[in-house]
């Protein structure tokens, strides 16, 4: 089904896609912050459990990265799935 979208609807889809990408990049940035914290904790602080804290930062970083990837993929599927409701979908319901 070929739908002629008006400019406003096309721009709304683009904004939604860009917002999804921006959110993924925020997850990636936060994950990198935790990774850098894990790499530098032993060099900057002299505490007993520096290795445990370092490993915990690495685990948190990995978890945040996985959550970000899952969030990005699920929202991307949702955006693609909801594109079919944009445009002249109302005509289908009025025909019934």
C-alpha atoms as a PDB file:
ATOM      1  CA  UNK A   1       0.000   0.000   0.000  1.00  0.00           C
ATOM      2  CA  UNK A   2       1.569   3.285  -1.096  1.00  0.00           C
ATOM      3  CA  UNK A   3       0.600   6.146   1.174  1.00  0.00           C
ATOM      4  CA  UNK A   4       1.106   9.767   0.315  1.00  0.00           C
ATOM      5  CA  UNK A   5       2.323  11.301   3.528  1.00  0.00           C
ATOM      6  CA  UNK A   6       2.114  14.983   4.054  1.00  0.00           C
ATOM      7  CA  UNK A   7       5.280  16.790   5.050  1.00  0.00           C
ATOM      8  CA  UNK A   8       4.259  17.097   8.698  1.00  0.00           C
ATOM      9  CA  UNK A   9       3.884  13.332   9.055  1.00  0.00           C
ATOM     10  CA  UNK A  10       7.211  12.651   7.330  1.00  0.00           C
ATOM     11  CA  UNK A  11       8.942  15.092   9.636  1.00  0.00           C
ATOM     12  CA  UNK A  12       7.293  13.535  12.680  1.00  0.00           C
ATOM     13  CA  UNK A  13       8.601  10.112  11.661  1.00  0.00           C
ATOM     14  CA  UNK A  14      12.073  11.539  11.160  1.00  0.00           C
ATOM     15  CA  UNK A  15      11.982  13.267  14.560  1.00  0.00           C
ATOM     16  CA  UNK A  16      10.928  10.032  16.230  1.00  0.00           C
ATOM     17  CA  UNK A  17      13.724   8.112  14.536  1.00  0.00           C
ATOM     18  CA  UNK A  18      16.274  10.763  15.493  1.00  0.00           C
ATOM     19  CA  UNK A  19      15.025  10.780  19.081  1.00  0.00           C
ATOM     20  CA  UNK A  20      15.485   7.008  19.220  1.00  0.00           C
ATOM     21  CA  UNK A  21      19.047   7.359  17.923  1.00  0.00           C
ATOM     22  CA  UNK A  22      19.776  10.153  20.372  1.00  0.00           C
ATOM     23  CA  UNK A  23      18.545   8.008  23.244  1.00  0.00           C
ATOM     24  CA  UNK A  24      20.807   5.161  22.133  1.00  0.00           C
ATOM     25  CA  UNK A  25      23.771   7.515  22.024  1.00  0.00           C
ATOM     26  CA  UNK A  26      22.932   8.651  25.567  1.00  0.00           C
ATOM     27  CA  UNK A  27      22.992   5.047  26.735  1.00  0.00           C
ATOM     28  CA  UNK A  28      26.304   4.559  24.930  1.00  0.00           C
ATOM     29  CA  UNK A  29      27.788   7.692  26.523  1.00  0.00           C
ATOM     30  CA  UNK A  30      26.728   6.606  29.999  1.00  0.00           C
ATOM     31  CA  UNK A  31      28.158   3.149  29.402  1.00  0.00           C
ATOM     32  CA  UNK A  32      31.466   4.685  28.328  1.00  0.00           C
ATOM     33  CA  UNK A  33      31.525   6.853  31.470  1.00  0.00           C
ATOM     34  CA  UNK A  34      31.241   3.756  33.630  1.00  0.00           C
ATOM     35  CA  UNK A  35      33.888   2.008  31.539  1.00  0.00           C
ATOM     36  CA  UNK A  36      36.311   4.921  31.997  1.00  0.00           C
ATOM     37  CA  UNK A  37      35.527   5.006  35.715  1.00  0.00           C
ATOM     38  CA  UNK A  38      36.339   1.306  35.924  1.00  0.00           C
ATOM     39  CA  UNK A  39      39.614   1.781  34.095  1.00  0.00           C
ATOM     40  CA  UNK A  40      40.752   4.677  36.247  1.00  0.00           C
ATOM     41  CA  UNK A  41      39.565   3.689  39.722  1.00  0.00           C
ATOM     42  CA  UNK A  42      42.679   1.680  40.595  1.00  0.00           C
ATOM     43  CA  UNK A  43      45.015   4.369  39.307  1.00  0.00           C
ATOM     44  CA  UNK A  44      43.353   7.271  41.090  1.00  0.00           C
ATOM     45  CA  UNK A  45      42.287   5.737  44.396  1.00  0.00           C
ATOM     46  CA  UNK A  46      44.298   3.582  46.737  1.00  0.00           C
ATOM     47  CA  UNK A  47      41.640   1.546  48.509  1.00  0.00           C
ATOM     48  CA  UNK A  48      41.452  -2.086  49.512  1.00  0.00           C
ATOM     49  CA  UNK A  49      38.671  -3.233  47.215  1.00  0.00           C
ATOM     50  CA  UNK A  50      39.706  -1.333  44.092  1.00  0.00           C
ATOM     51  CA  UNK A  51      39.545  -4.471  41.960  1.00  0.00           C
ATOM     52  CA  UNK A  52      35.986  -5.234  43.102  1.00  0.00           C
ATOM     53  CA  UNK A  53      34.894  -1.671  42.382  1.00  0.00           C
ATOM     54  CA  UNK A  54      36.619  -1.793  38.987  1.00  0.00           C
ATOM     55  CA  UNK A  55      34.881  -5.019  38.023  1.00  0.00           C
ATOM     56  CA  UNK A  56      31.536  -3.685  39.239  1.00  0.00           C
ATOM     57  CA  UNK A  57      31.960  -0.594  37.036  1.00  0.00           C
ATOM     58  CA  UNK A  58      32.714  -2.856  34.064  1.00  0.00           C
ATOM     59  CA  UNK A  59      29.620  -4.958  34.750  1.00  0.00           C
ATOM     60  CA  UNK A  60      27.428  -1.870  35.139  1.00  0.00           C
ATOM     61  CA  UNK A  61      28.848  -0.487  31.893  1.00  0.00           C
ATOM     62  CA  UNK A  62      28.071  -3.719  30.048  1.00  0.00           C
ATOM     63  CA  UNK A  63      24.541  -3.877  31.471  1.00  0.00           C
ATOM     64  CA  UNK A  64      23.827  -0.274  30.461  1.00  0.00           C
ATOM     65  CA  UNK A  65      25.110  -0.992  26.956  1.00  0.00           C
ATOM     66  CA  UNK A  66      22.877  -4.071  26.638  1.00  0.00           C
ATOM     67  CA  UNK A  67      19.833  -2.164  27.906  1.00  0.00           C
ATOM     68  CA  UNK A  68      20.568   0.626  25.420  1.00  0.00           C
ATOM     69  CA  UNK A  69      20.847  -1.804  22.505  1.00  0.00           C
ATOM     70  CA  UNK A  70      17.635  -3.582  23.535  1.00  0.00           C
ATOM     71  CA  UNK A  71      15.828  -0.251  23.945  1.00  0.00           C
ATOM     72  CA  UNK A  72      17.010   0.968  20.539  1.00  0.00           C
ATOM     73  CA  UNK A  73      16.007  -2.214  18.712  1.00  0.00           C
ATOM     74  CA  UNK A  74      12.596  -2.491  20.384  1.00  0.00           C
ATOM     75  CA  UNK A  75      11.731   1.147  19.695  1.00  0.00           C
ATOM     76  CA  UNK A  76      12.979   0.870  16.114  1.00  0.00           C
ATOM     77  CA  UNK A  77      10.665  -2.100  15.550  1.00  0.00           C
ATOM     78  CA  UNK A  78       7.821  -0.153  17.122  1.00  0.00           C
ATOM     79  CA  UNK A  79       8.471   2.856  14.866  1.00  0.00           C
ATOM     80  CA  UNK A  80       8.558   0.661  11.759  1.00  0.00           C
ATOM     81  CA  UNK A  81       5.408  -1.167  12.880  1.00  0.00           C
ATOM     82  CA  UNK A  82       3.532   2.082  13.533  1.00  0.00           C
ATOM     83  CA  UNK A  83       4.430   3.645  10.169  1.00  0.00           C
ATOM     84  CA  UNK A  84       1.488   1.783   8.661  1.00  0.00           C
ATOM     85  CA  UNK A  85      -0.884   3.883  10.787  1.00  0.00           C
ATOM     86  CA  UNK A  86       0.371   7.133   9.307  1.00  0.00           C
ATOM     87  CA  UNK A  87      -1.196   8.689   6.250  1.00  0.00           C
ATOM     88  CA  UNK A  88      -4.565   7.756   4.820  1.00  0.00           C
ATOM     89  CA  UNK A  89      -5.313   4.972   7.299  1.00  0.00           C
ATOM     90  CA  UNK A  90      -8.608   6.590   8.224  1.00  0.00           C
ATOM     91  CA  UNK A  91      -9.982   5.805   4.789  1.00  0.00           C
ATOM     92  CA  UNK A  92      -9.721   2.084   5.568  1.00  0.00           C
ATOM     93  CA  UNK A  93     -11.936   2.492   8.634  1.00  0.00           C
ATOM     94  CA  UNK A  94     -14.506   4.686   6.887  1.00  0.00           C
ATOM     95  CA  UNK A  95     -14.960   2.051   4.181  1.00  0.00           C
ATOM     96  CA  UNK A  96     -16.199  -0.432   6.755  1.00  0.00           C
END
